[in-house]
Amino acid sequence: MGLESLLIFLIIGGVAGWLGSLLVKGAGMGLVGNIIVGIVGAFIAGFVLPMVGFAFGGGIVGSILNATIGAVILLLLLRLIKRA
């Protein structure tokens, strides 16, 4: 992976994590936390969304949307675990 690819990967993860934390109120984790949540959310979305037959197109916007959906799923799961 080149430096440009890594930078784009981190930016998409950060944006997706930030959007996910906005959608799930009270789940802000800071810059590094948002990047981690966005990246993990992208992996979750890459696994879950095709199973239910739902996927967005390619490109950066599609990647951000997929990762944001995964980040929301992850943040909701984390919220459920914290309550238990």
N, C-alpha and C. Protein backbone atom coordinates (compact mmCIF):
# COMPACT_ATOMS: atom_id res chain seq x y z
N MET A 1 0.86 -1.17 0.00
CA MET A 1 0.00 0.00 0.00
C MET A 1 0.90 1.23 0.00
N GLY A 2 0.65 2.12 -0.93
CA GLY A 2 1.43 3.33 -1.02
C GLY A 2 1.01 4.36 0.02
N LEU A 3 1.78 5.41 0.13
CA LEU A 3 1.50 6.46 1.10
C LEU A 3 0.18 7.16 0.80
N GLU A 4 -0.11 7.36 -0.49
CA GLU A 4 -1.37 8.02 -0.87
C GLU A 4 -2.57 7.15 -0.49
N SER A 5 -2.46 5.85 -0.74
CA SER A 5 -3.55 4.93 -0.41
C SER A 5 -3.79 4.89 1.10
N LEU A 6 -2.72 4.88 1.86
CA LEU A 6 -2.84 4.88 3.32
C LEU A 6 -3.50 6.16 3.81
N LEU A 7 -3.12 7.27 3.24
CA LEU A 7 -3.70 8.55 3.63
C LEU A 7 -5.19 8.60 3.30
N ILE A 8 -5.58 8.14 2.13
CA ILE A 8 -7.00 8.11 1.74
C ILE A 8 -7.76 7.16 2.65
N PHE A 9 -7.17 6.02 2.98
CA PHE A 9 -7.78 5.04 3.88
C PHE A 9 -8.05 5.68 5.25
N LEU A 10 -7.08 6.42 5.78
CA LEU A 10 -7.25 7.08 7.08
C LEU A 10 -8.28 8.21 7.02
N ILE A 11 -8.31 8.95 5.93
CA ILE A 11 -9.27 10.05 5.78
C ILE A 11 -10.69 9.49 5.70
N ILE A 12 -10.88 8.44 4.90
CA ILE A 12 -12.21 7.83 4.79
C ILE A 12 -12.63 7.27 6.15
N GLY A 13 -11.72 6.62 6.86
CA GLY A 13 -12.03 6.11 8.19
C GLY A 13 -12.40 7.21 9.16
N GLY A 14 -11.66 8.31 9.12
CA GLY A 14 -11.94 9.44 10.01
C GLY A 14 -13.29 10.08 9.72
N VAL A 15 -13.58 10.29 8.45
CA VAL A 15 -14.87 10.89 8.07
C VAL A 15 -16.02 9.97 8.45
N ALA A 16 -15.86 8.67 8.17
CA ALA A 16 -16.92 7.72 8.49
C ALA A 16 -17.13 7.62 9.99
N GLY A 17 -16.07 7.60 10.75
CA GLY A 17 -16.19 7.55 12.21
C GLY A 17 -16.83 8.81 12.77
N TRP A 18 -16.47 9.95 12.20
CA TRP A 18 -17.06 11.21 12.64
C TRP A 18 -18.55 11.26 12.32
N LEU A 19 -18.92 10.85 11.10
CA LEU A 19 -20.33 10.82 10.73
C LEU A 19 -21.11 9.82 11.60
N GLY A 20 -20.50 8.68 11.86
CA GLY A 20 -21.14 7.69 12.72
C GLY A 20 -21.36 8.22 14.13
N SER A 21 -20.39 8.96 14.66
CA SER A 21 -20.55 9.52 16.00
C SER A 21 -21.60 10.63 16.03
N LEU A 22 -21.79 11.31 14.91
CA LEU A 22 -22.86 12.31 14.84
C LEU A 22 -24.23 11.64 14.82
N LEU A 23 -24.33 10.52 14.10
CA LEU A 23 -25.61 9.82 14.00
C LEU A 23 -25.97 9.10 15.29
N VAL A 24 -24.97 8.59 16.00
CA VAL A 24 -25.19 7.93 17.29
C VAL A 24 -24.77 8.96 18.34
N LYS A 25 -25.72 9.66 18.86
CA LYS A 25 -25.43 10.78 19.78
C LYS A 25 -24.64 10.31 21.00
N GLY A 26 -23.70 11.14 21.41
CA GLY A 26 -22.93 10.86 22.61
C GLY A 26 -21.85 9.81 22.43
N ALA A 27 -21.45 9.52 21.21
CA ALA A 27 -20.46 8.48 20.98
C ALA A 27 -19.16 9.05 20.41
N GLY A 28 -18.89 10.33 20.61
CA GLY A 28 -17.67 10.93 20.11
C GLY A 28 -16.46 10.36 20.83
N MET A 29 -15.43 9.99 20.06
CA MET A 29 -14.25 9.36 20.64
C MET A 29 -12.96 10.08 20.28
N GLY A 30 -13.04 11.26 19.75
CA GLY A 30 -11.84 11.97 19.35
C GLY A 30 -11.37 11.54 17.97
N LEU A 31 -10.34 12.17 17.48
CA LEU A 31 -9.86 11.94 16.12
C LEU A 31 -9.38 10.50 15.92
N VAL A 32 -8.52 10.02 16.79
CA VAL A 32 -7.98 8.67 16.63
C VAL A 32 -9.09 7.64 16.82
N GLY A 33 -9.96 7.85 17.78
CA GLY A 33 -11.09 6.93 17.99
C GLY A 33 -12.01 6.90 16.80
N ASN A 34 -12.28 8.06 16.21
CA ASN A 34 -13.14 8.11 15.02
C ASN A 34 -12.51 7.37 13.84
N ILE A 35 -11.20 7.51 13.67
CA ILE A 35 -10.52 6.81 12.58
C ILE A 35 -10.62 5.30 12.79
N ILE A 36 -10.38 4.86 14.02
CA ILE A 36 -10.45 3.43 14.31
C ILE A 36 -11.87 2.91 14.12
N VAL A 37 -12.86 3.64 14.63
CA VAL A 37 -14.26 3.24 14.47
C VAL A 37 -14.63 3.20 12.99
N GLY A 38 -14.19 4.17 12.21
CA GLY A 38 -14.49 4.20 10.78
C GLY A 38 -13.86 3.04 10.03
N ILE A 39 -12.61 2.70 10.36
CA ILE A 39 -11.93 1.59 9.68
C ILE A 39 -12.57 0.26 10.06
N VAL A 40 -12.82 0.06 11.34
CA VAL A 40 -13.48 -1.18 11.77
C VAL A 40 -14.90 -1.23 11.20
N GLY A 41 -15.57 -0.08 11.15
CA GLY A 41 -16.90 -0.01 10.56
C GLY A 41 -16.90 -0.37 9.09
N ALA A 42 -15.84 0.01 8.38
CA ALA A 42 -15.73 -0.35 6.96
C ALA A 42 -15.63 -1.86 6.79
N PHE A 43 -14.88 -2.53 7.68
CA PHE A 43 -14.80 -3.98 7.62
C PHE A 43 -16.14 -4.63 7.96
N ILE A 44 -16.82 -4.09 8.96
CA ILE A 44 -18.13 -4.62 9.33
C ILE A 44 -19.11 -4.46 8.17
N ALA A 45 -19.13 -3.28 7.58
CA ALA A 45 -20.04 -3.04 6.46
C ALA A 45 -19.69 -3.92 5.26
N GLY A 46 -18.42 -4.14 5.03
CA GLY A 46 -18.00 -5.00 3.94
C GLY A 46 -18.44 -6.44 4.13
N PHE A 47 -18.66 -6.83 5.36
CA PHE A 47 -19.12 -8.19 5.65
C PHE A 47 -20.64 -8.27 5.71
N VAL A 48 -21.29 -7.31 6.38
CA VAL A 48 -22.72 -7.39 6.66
C VAL A 48 -23.57 -6.95 5.47
N LEU A 49 -23.24 -5.84 4.84
CA LEU A 49 -24.09 -5.29 3.78
C LEU A 49 -24.28 -6.23 2.59
N PRO A 50 -23.24 -6.90 2.08
CA PRO A 50 -23.50 -7.83 0.98
C PRO A 50 -24.37 -9.02 1.40
N MET A 51 -24.33 -9.41 2.67
CA MET A 51 -25.15 -10.52 3.15
C MET A 51 -26.64 -10.18 3.09
N VAL A 52 -26.98 -8.91 3.29
CA VAL A 52 -28.38 -8.49 3.24
C VAL A 52 -28.76 -7.94 1.86
N GLY A 53 -27.82 -7.96 0.93
CA GLY A 53 -28.10 -7.52 -0.43
C GLY A 53 -28.15 -6.02 -0.60
N PHE A 54 -27.42 -5.29 0.22
CA PHE A 54 -27.43 -3.83 0.18
C PHE A 54 -26.01 -3.34 0.02
N ALA A 55 -25.75 -2.58 -1.03
CA ALA A 55 -24.41 -2.04 -1.24
C ALA A 55 -24.51 -0.77 -2.07
N PHE A 56 -23.58 0.12 -1.83
CA PHE A 56 -23.49 1.35 -2.59
C PHE A 56 -22.47 1.16 -3.71
N GLY A 57 -22.45 2.10 -4.63
CA GLY A 57 -21.49 2.05 -5.72
C GLY A 57 -20.08 2.27 -5.22
N GLY A 58 -19.15 2.23 -6.14
CA GLY A 58 -17.75 2.40 -5.79
C GLY A 58 -17.39 3.86 -5.62
N GLY A 59 -16.15 4.13 -5.50
CA GLY A 59 -15.64 5.48 -5.33
C GLY A 59 -15.56 5.88 -3.88
N ILE A 60 -15.10 7.09 -3.68
CA ILE A 60 -14.88 7.58 -2.32
C ILE A 60 -16.21 7.79 -1.59
N VAL A 61 -17.22 8.32 -2.27
CA VAL A 61 -18.51 8.56 -1.62
C VAL A 61 -19.14 7.24 -1.20
N GLY A 62 -19.11 6.24 -2.06
CA GLY A 62 -19.64 4.93 -1.71
C GLY A 62 -18.88 4.30 -0.55
N SER A 63 -17.56 4.48 -0.54
CA SER A 63 -16.75 3.95 0.56
C SER A 63 -17.09 4.63 1.87
N ILE A 64 -17.29 5.95 1.84
CA ILE A 64 -17.64 6.67 3.06
C ILE A 64 -19.01 6.25 3.56
N LEU A 65 -19.98 6.08 2.64
CA LEU A 65 -21.31 5.64 3.06
C LEU A 65 -21.28 4.25 3.66
N ASN A 66 -20.58 3.32 3.02
CA ASN A 66 -20.46 1.96 3.56
C ASN A 66 -19.79 1.98 4.93
N ALA A 67 -18.69 2.69 5.05
CA ALA A 67 -17.96 2.74 6.32
C ALA A 67 -18.79 3.43 7.40
N THR A 68 -19.58 4.43 7.03
CA THR A 68 -20.42 5.12 8.01
C THR A 68 -21.51 4.18 8.54
N ILE A 69 -22.10 3.41 7.67
CA ILE A 69 -23.11 2.43 8.11
C ILE A 69 -22.46 1.42 9.06
N GLY A 70 -21.29 0.95 8.72
CA GLY A 70 -20.58 0.03 9.60
C GLY A 70 -20.19 0.67 10.92
N ALA A 71 -19.79 1.94 10.89
CA ALA A 71 -19.44 2.65 12.12
C ALA A 71 -20.65 2.81 13.02
N VAL A 72 -21.80 3.09 12.44
CA VAL A 72 -23.03 3.21 13.24
C VAL A 72 -23.36 1.87 13.88
N ILE A 73 -23.24 0.79 13.12
CA ILE A 73 -23.48 -0.55 13.68
C ILE A 73 -22.53 -0.82 14.83
N LEU A 74 -21.25 -0.50 14.65
CA LEU A 74 -20.25 -0.72 15.69
C LEU A 74 -20.55 0.12 16.93
N LEU A 75 -20.87 1.39 16.75
CA LEU A 75 -21.15 2.26 17.89
C LEU A 75 -22.39 1.81 18.65
N LEU A 76 -23.41 1.34 17.94
CA LEU A 76 -24.60 0.82 18.62
C LEU A 76 -24.28 -0.45 19.40
N LEU A 77 -23.44 -1.31 18.83
CA LEU A 77 -23.03 -2.51 19.56
C LEU A 77 -22.22 -2.15 20.80
N LEU A 78 -21.33 -1.18 20.67
CA LEU A 78 -20.54 -0.74 21.84
C LEU A 78 -21.44 -0.15 22.91
N ARG A 79 -22.47 0.59 22.51
CA ARG A 79 -23.40 1.16 23.47
C ARG A 79 -24.16 0.05 24.21
N LEU A 80 -24.56 -1.00 23.49
CA LEU A 80 -25.25 -2.12 24.12
C LEU A 80 -24.33 -2.86 25.11
N ILE A 81 -23.08 -3.01 24.75
CA ILE A 81 -22.13 -3.69 25.63
C ILE A 81 -21.88 -2.86 26.89
N LYS A 82 -21.77 -1.54 26.76
CA LYS A 82 -21.55 -0.69 27.92
C LYS A 82 -22.71 -0.73 28.89
N ARG A 83 -23.94 -0.88 28.37
CA ARG A 83 -25.11 -0.93 29.25
C ARG A 83 -25.20 -2.24 30.00
N ALA A 84 -24.65 -3.30 29.44
CA ALA A 84 -24.78 -4.63 30.07
C ALA A 84 -23.87 -4.79 31.26
